[in-house]
Amino acid sequence: MTQTPPPAPTRSGFGALAKKYWLPVLLTALAVVFIVQNTNDIAIHLFNRTVAAPAWLVYTILVVLGIAVGAFAQRRRIKRRVGLG
């Protein structure tokens, strides 16, 4: 009779969560530090228009837009994988 080794313990709770999401957490922390440290006004040139706005506001808007685009792309990828799109 052959002995099978016991199954390896699986991580649960915070350890598994931290291991899975360490890169997004690190990038989010770096983005927050970058946004907080850049508070000067900047000029934004778009379609022959120039607008002055605080840098932190512009960077925050860009981060939110990036998250929205990433979520949209992920949703499309999941639909394509399942065969709905």
N, C-alpha and C. Protein backbone atom coordinates (compact mmCIF):
# COMPACT_ATOMS: atom_id res chain seq x y z
N MET A 1 0.85 -1.18 0.00
CA MET A 1 0.00 0.00 0.00
C MET A 1 0.89 1.24 0.00
N THR A 2 0.63 2.13 -0.89
CA THR A 2 1.44 3.34 -1.00
C THR A 2 0.79 4.46 -0.21
N GLN A 3 1.63 5.16 0.46
CA GLN A 3 1.16 6.31 1.25
C GLN A 3 1.19 7.55 0.36
N THR A 4 0.11 8.28 0.34
CA THR A 4 0.09 9.55 -0.38
C THR A 4 0.38 10.65 0.62
N PRO A 5 1.20 11.60 0.22
CA PRO A 5 1.50 12.69 1.15
C PRO A 5 0.26 13.53 1.41
N PRO A 6 0.19 14.11 2.58
CA PRO A 6 -0.98 14.96 2.88
C PRO A 6 -0.95 16.19 1.97
N PRO A 7 -2.12 16.71 1.65
CA PRO A 7 -2.16 17.89 0.77
C PRO A 7 -1.47 19.08 1.45
N ALA A 8 -0.84 19.90 0.61
CA ALA A 8 -0.16 21.09 1.14
C ALA A 8 -1.21 22.05 1.68
N PRO A 9 -0.89 22.70 2.78
CA PRO A 9 -1.87 23.66 3.32
C PRO A 9 -2.06 24.83 2.37
N THR A 10 -3.30 25.21 2.19
CA THR A 10 -3.59 26.35 1.31
C THR A 10 -3.69 27.60 2.14
N ARG A 11 -3.26 28.67 1.54
CA ARG A 11 -3.36 29.96 2.23
C ARG A 11 -4.78 30.45 2.13
N SER A 12 -5.25 30.98 3.20
CA SER A 12 -6.58 31.57 3.17
C SER A 12 -6.52 32.90 3.89
N GLY A 13 -7.49 33.70 3.63
CA GLY A 13 -7.58 34.98 4.30
C GLY A 13 -6.63 36.01 3.72
N PHE A 14 -6.05 36.79 4.61
CA PHE A 14 -5.24 37.93 4.19
C PHE A 14 -3.98 37.52 3.44
N GLY A 15 -3.36 36.41 3.81
CA GLY A 15 -2.13 35.95 3.15
C GLY A 15 -2.34 35.69 1.67
N ALA A 16 -3.40 35.00 1.33
CA ALA A 16 -3.70 34.71 -0.08
C ALA A 16 -4.07 35.99 -0.81
N LEU A 17 -4.82 36.84 -0.17
CA LEU A 17 -5.22 38.10 -0.78
C LEU A 17 -4.01 38.99 -1.04
N ALA A 18 -3.12 39.07 -0.07
CA ALA A 18 -1.92 39.90 -0.21
C ALA A 18 -1.01 39.36 -1.31
N LYS A 19 -0.89 38.05 -1.40
CA LYS A 19 -0.03 37.46 -2.42
C LYS A 19 -0.60 37.68 -3.81
N LYS A 20 -1.92 37.65 -3.94
CA LYS A 20 -2.55 37.79 -5.25
C LYS A 20 -2.56 39.24 -5.73
N TYR A 21 -2.70 40.18 -4.84
CA TYR A 21 -2.89 41.58 -5.22
C TYR A 21 -1.74 42.50 -4.81
N TRP A 22 -0.54 41.98 -4.61
CA TRP A 22 0.54 42.84 -4.13
C TRP A 22 0.93 43.89 -5.18
N LEU A 23 0.91 43.55 -6.45
CA LEU A 23 1.30 44.51 -7.48
C LEU A 23 0.29 45.65 -7.61
N PRO A 24 -1.01 45.37 -7.72
CA PRO A 24 -1.97 46.49 -7.78
C PRO A 24 -1.93 47.38 -6.54
N VAL A 25 -1.72 46.78 -5.37
CA VAL A 25 -1.64 47.58 -4.15
C VAL A 25 -0.41 48.48 -4.18
N LEU A 26 0.71 47.94 -4.62
CA LEU A 26 1.94 48.73 -4.73
C LEU A 26 1.78 49.86 -5.73
N LEU A 27 1.22 49.57 -6.90
CA LEU A 27 1.02 50.61 -7.91
C LEU A 27 0.04 51.68 -7.45
N THR A 28 -0.99 51.28 -6.72
CA THR A 28 -1.94 52.25 -6.18
C THR A 28 -1.28 53.16 -5.17
N ALA A 29 -0.46 52.58 -4.30
CA ALA A 29 0.25 53.39 -3.31
C ALA A 29 1.20 54.37 -3.98
N LEU A 30 1.92 53.91 -5.01
CA LEU A 30 2.82 54.81 -5.73
C LEU A 30 2.04 55.93 -6.43
N ALA A 31 0.89 55.61 -7.01
CA ALA A 31 0.07 56.62 -7.67
C ALA A 31 -0.43 57.66 -6.66
N VAL A 32 -0.85 57.21 -5.49
CA VAL A 32 -1.34 58.14 -4.46
C VAL A 32 -0.21 59.06 -4.00
N VAL A 33 0.98 58.52 -3.77
CA VAL A 33 2.12 59.34 -3.36
C VAL A 33 2.45 60.34 -4.45
N PHE A 34 2.47 59.92 -5.70
CA PHE A 34 2.77 60.81 -6.82
C PHE A 34 1.74 61.94 -6.91
N ILE A 35 0.47 61.59 -6.77
CA ILE A 35 -0.59 62.60 -6.86
C ILE A 35 -0.49 63.60 -5.71
N VAL A 36 -0.23 63.13 -4.51
CA VAL A 36 -0.17 64.01 -3.34
C VAL A 36 1.03 64.96 -3.43
N GLN A 37 2.14 64.50 -4.00
CA GLN A 37 3.34 65.33 -4.07
C GLN A 37 3.30 66.35 -5.20
N ASN A 38 2.45 66.18 -6.19
CA ASN A 38 2.37 67.10 -7.32
C ASN A 38 1.10 67.93 -7.21
N THR A 39 1.24 69.12 -6.60
CA THR A 39 0.06 69.94 -6.36
C THR A 39 0.07 71.25 -7.14
N ASN A 40 1.11 71.51 -7.92
CA ASN A 40 1.17 72.76 -8.69
C ASN A 40 0.15 72.75 -9.81
N ASP A 41 -0.16 73.95 -10.30
CA ASP A 41 -1.04 74.06 -11.45
C ASP A 41 -0.27 73.69 -12.72
N ILE A 42 -0.96 73.05 -13.63
CA ILE A 42 -0.35 72.70 -14.92
C ILE A 42 -1.28 73.15 -16.03
N ALA A 43 -0.71 73.39 -17.21
CA ALA A 43 -1.49 73.77 -18.38
C ALA A 43 -1.74 72.53 -19.22
N ILE A 44 -2.98 72.38 -19.63
CA ILE A 44 -3.37 71.24 -20.45
C ILE A 44 -3.77 71.78 -21.81
N HIS A 45 -3.13 71.29 -22.86
CA HIS A 45 -3.41 71.73 -24.23
C HIS A 45 -4.14 70.59 -24.95
N LEU A 46 -5.36 70.86 -25.37
CA LEU A 46 -6.16 69.85 -26.06
C LEU A 46 -7.07 70.54 -27.06
N PHE A 47 -6.95 70.17 -28.33
CA PHE A 47 -7.78 70.72 -29.41
C PHE A 47 -7.76 72.25 -29.43
N ASN A 48 -6.59 72.83 -29.47
CA ASN A 48 -6.40 74.29 -29.52
C ASN A 48 -6.97 75.02 -28.31
N ARG A 49 -7.20 74.32 -27.25
CA ARG A 49 -7.65 74.93 -25.99
C ARG A 49 -6.58 74.71 -24.95
N THR A 50 -6.42 75.68 -24.08
CA THR A 50 -5.49 75.55 -22.97
C THR A 50 -6.26 75.79 -21.68
N VAL A 51 -6.16 74.83 -20.79
CA VAL A 51 -6.84 74.91 -19.50
C VAL A 51 -5.80 74.73 -18.41
N ALA A 52 -5.88 75.55 -17.37
CA ALA A 52 -5.00 75.40 -16.22
C ALA A 52 -5.79 74.69 -15.12
N ALA A 53 -5.16 73.69 -14.52
CA ALA A 53 -5.81 72.93 -13.45
C ALA A 53 -4.75 72.42 -12.49
N PRO A 54 -5.12 72.14 -11.25
CA PRO A 54 -4.16 71.55 -10.32
C PRO A 54 -3.71 70.18 -10.83
N ALA A 55 -2.43 69.91 -10.71
CA ALA A 55 -1.88 68.65 -11.20
C ALA A 55 -2.52 67.45 -10.51
N TRP A 56 -2.79 67.56 -9.21
CA TRP A 56 -3.37 66.43 -8.50
C TRP A 56 -4.74 66.06 -9.08
N LEU A 57 -5.50 67.07 -9.51
CA LEU A 57 -6.82 66.81 -10.08
C LEU A 57 -6.69 66.11 -11.43
N VAL A 58 -5.77 66.58 -12.25
CA VAL A 58 -5.56 65.98 -13.56
C VAL A 58 -5.09 64.53 -13.41
N TYR A 59 -4.14 64.28 -12.52
CA TYR A 59 -3.64 62.93 -12.32
C TYR A 59 -4.71 62.00 -11.75
N THR A 60 -5.54 62.53 -10.86
CA THR A 60 -6.62 61.72 -10.31
C THR A 60 -7.62 61.33 -11.39
N ILE A 61 -7.95 62.28 -12.25
CA ILE A 61 -8.87 61.99 -13.36
C ILE A 61 -8.26 60.94 -14.29
N LEU A 62 -6.96 61.05 -14.56
CA LEU A 62 -6.30 60.07 -15.43
C LEU A 62 -6.28 58.68 -14.80
N VAL A 63 -6.07 58.61 -13.50
CA VAL A 63 -6.08 57.30 -12.83
C VAL A 63 -7.48 56.69 -12.89
N VAL A 64 -8.50 57.48 -12.64
CA VAL A 64 -9.87 56.97 -12.70
C VAL A 64 -10.22 56.50 -14.12
N LEU A 65 -9.81 57.29 -15.13
CA LEU A 65 -10.03 56.87 -16.51
C LEU A 65 -9.29 55.57 -16.83
N GLY A 66 -8.07 55.43 -16.33
CA GLY A 66 -7.31 54.21 -16.54
C GLY A 66 -7.98 53.00 -15.91
N ILE A 67 -8.51 53.18 -14.72
CA ILE A 67 -9.23 52.09 -14.04
C ILE A 67 -10.48 51.72 -14.84
N ALA A 68 -11.20 52.73 -15.34
CA ALA A 68 -12.41 52.45 -16.11
C ALA A 68 -12.08 51.71 -17.41
N VAL A 69 -11.03 52.12 -18.11
CA VAL A 69 -10.63 51.44 -19.34
C VAL A 69 -10.20 50.01 -19.04
N GLY A 70 -9.44 49.81 -17.98
CA GLY A 70 -9.02 48.47 -17.59
C GLY A 70 -10.19 47.58 -17.24
N ALA A 71 -11.17 48.10 -16.53
CA ALA A 71 -12.36 47.32 -16.18
C ALA A 71 -13.16 46.97 -17.43
N PHE A 72 -13.28 47.91 -18.35
CA PHE A 72 -14.00 47.65 -19.59
C PHE A 72 -13.29 46.57 -20.41
N ALA A 73 -11.98 46.66 -20.52
CA ALA A 73 -11.22 45.66 -21.27
C ALA A 73 -11.32 44.28 -20.62
N GLN A 74 -11.28 44.22 -19.31
CA GLN A 74 -11.41 42.95 -18.60
C GLN A 74 -12.78 42.34 -18.83
N ARG A 75 -13.80 43.16 -18.80
CA ARG A 75 -15.16 42.67 -19.01
C ARG A 75 -15.32 42.13 -20.42
N ARG A 76 -14.73 42.82 -21.41
CA ARG A 76 -14.79 42.32 -22.79
C ARG A 76 -14.05 41.00 -22.94
N ARG A 77 -12.90 40.89 -22.27
CA ARG A 77 -12.12 39.66 -22.35
C ARG A 77 -12.89 38.49 -21.76
N ILE A 78 -13.58 38.73 -20.64
CA ILE A 78 -14.36 37.67 -20.00
C ILE A 78 -15.53 37.27 -20.90
N LYS A 79 -16.22 38.24 -21.50
CA LYS A 79 -17.33 37.92 -22.38
C LYS A 79 -16.85 37.13 -23.60
N ARG A 80 -15.69 37.51 -24.15
CA ARG A 80 -15.17 36.82 -25.32
C ARG A 80 -14.78 35.39 -24.95
N ARG A 81 -14.22 35.21 -23.76
CA ARG A 81 -13.80 33.88 -23.32
C ARG A 81 -15.01 32.98 -23.10
N VAL A 82 -16.09 33.53 -22.58
CA VAL A 82 -17.29 32.75 -22.32
C VAL A 82 -18.06 32.51 -23.62
N GLY A 83 -17.87 33.38 -24.62
CA GLY A 83 -18.55 33.23 -25.89
C GLY A 83 -19.78 34.08 -26.03
N LEU A 84 -19.86 35.14 -25.23
CA LEU A 84 -21.03 36.01 -25.29
C LEU A 84 -20.80 37.22 -26.20
N GLY A 85 -19.56 37.47 -26.59
CA GLY A 85 -19.30 38.70 -27.34
C GLY A 85 -18.75 38.55 -28.64
